[in-house]
């Protein structure tokens, strides 16, 4: 491979040729006119032919100089564009999060991340994953459930908080339906999101109950819509204690069977990223921040499950 000319000499010549002289180039590159002249002479010596014709009134490009200028201008432009693209990629954090988790957990907290890490520009996609699951090419980091089947071993996983599920409905619906035992759910409208049918089976299996066989059921695109329908008094939803925490604390949702809480077989809410990105500055910053923010949720679920287990052992 031919030896490249000195980079500073190339930069000096390109600027001088573009400005039509050494004065403009010296101002652009913040060096003296003499330094530009010396760099150009060094480049001419390296190439073995002149690039400028020196005249009393200034300099003008030789034929070789005119041929060389557009090559260098394009090359430096391409370098600058690629450097800018890489810089933007390094600072842009692409996050994908399903709608329910986005609305109920992530979005209310994102302002804290931006304030803590102002150098990163977060771009959030609130969408479900395609059939292939999380794609580390399409996003830098994503939210999912920890035990998603057939996940690639190249995907790193960090659980933020466990799921804790129990039936819930509006207090008025609870009174109207006189829910006293899980068998009474057969008289209710059961509200599903696409994943919760599996969770309902896990809940009944966990407590040795007959499968929930409601007279009426409704399916919603995500847990947020199903929960809002429950708050409106439409029926009973299998609520996550973390994702539905606001409704429970405000009294908008009530748990008819507060002692019957189980964890989802799909695991807790987790972060995902490709192995090659897991320790990159932007992904490391986001997962550290998210794990710290999720600490109260982990403590709440742990304390609730521990208390229920303790009560169960006494019984």
Foldseek 3Di string as FASTA:
>chain_A
DDDDQDPVLLLLLLQQQVVVAQVRSCVVVVHDSVVSVVSQVSRCVVVVHHQWDQDPVGIHGDPVVVVVNVVSVVVVVVVVVVVVVVQLVLQEFEEEEAQLCCVQPNVVCVVVLCVVPVSHHYDYHHHADDPLHDDQVVGAKYKDFDQDPPDDPQKDKDFQAFWKWAKKAFPVLCVVLVDQDPQSLQAWAEEEEPPCVQVQVVLCVVVVHDRRHHPHYYYDPDPVVSVVCRLVVRTMYTDTCRSCVVCVVVRSMDGSCLLRMDTGPSIHMIMIGGNVSCPRVVNVSVVVVSNVVSVVNRVVVVVSVVVSVVVVVVD
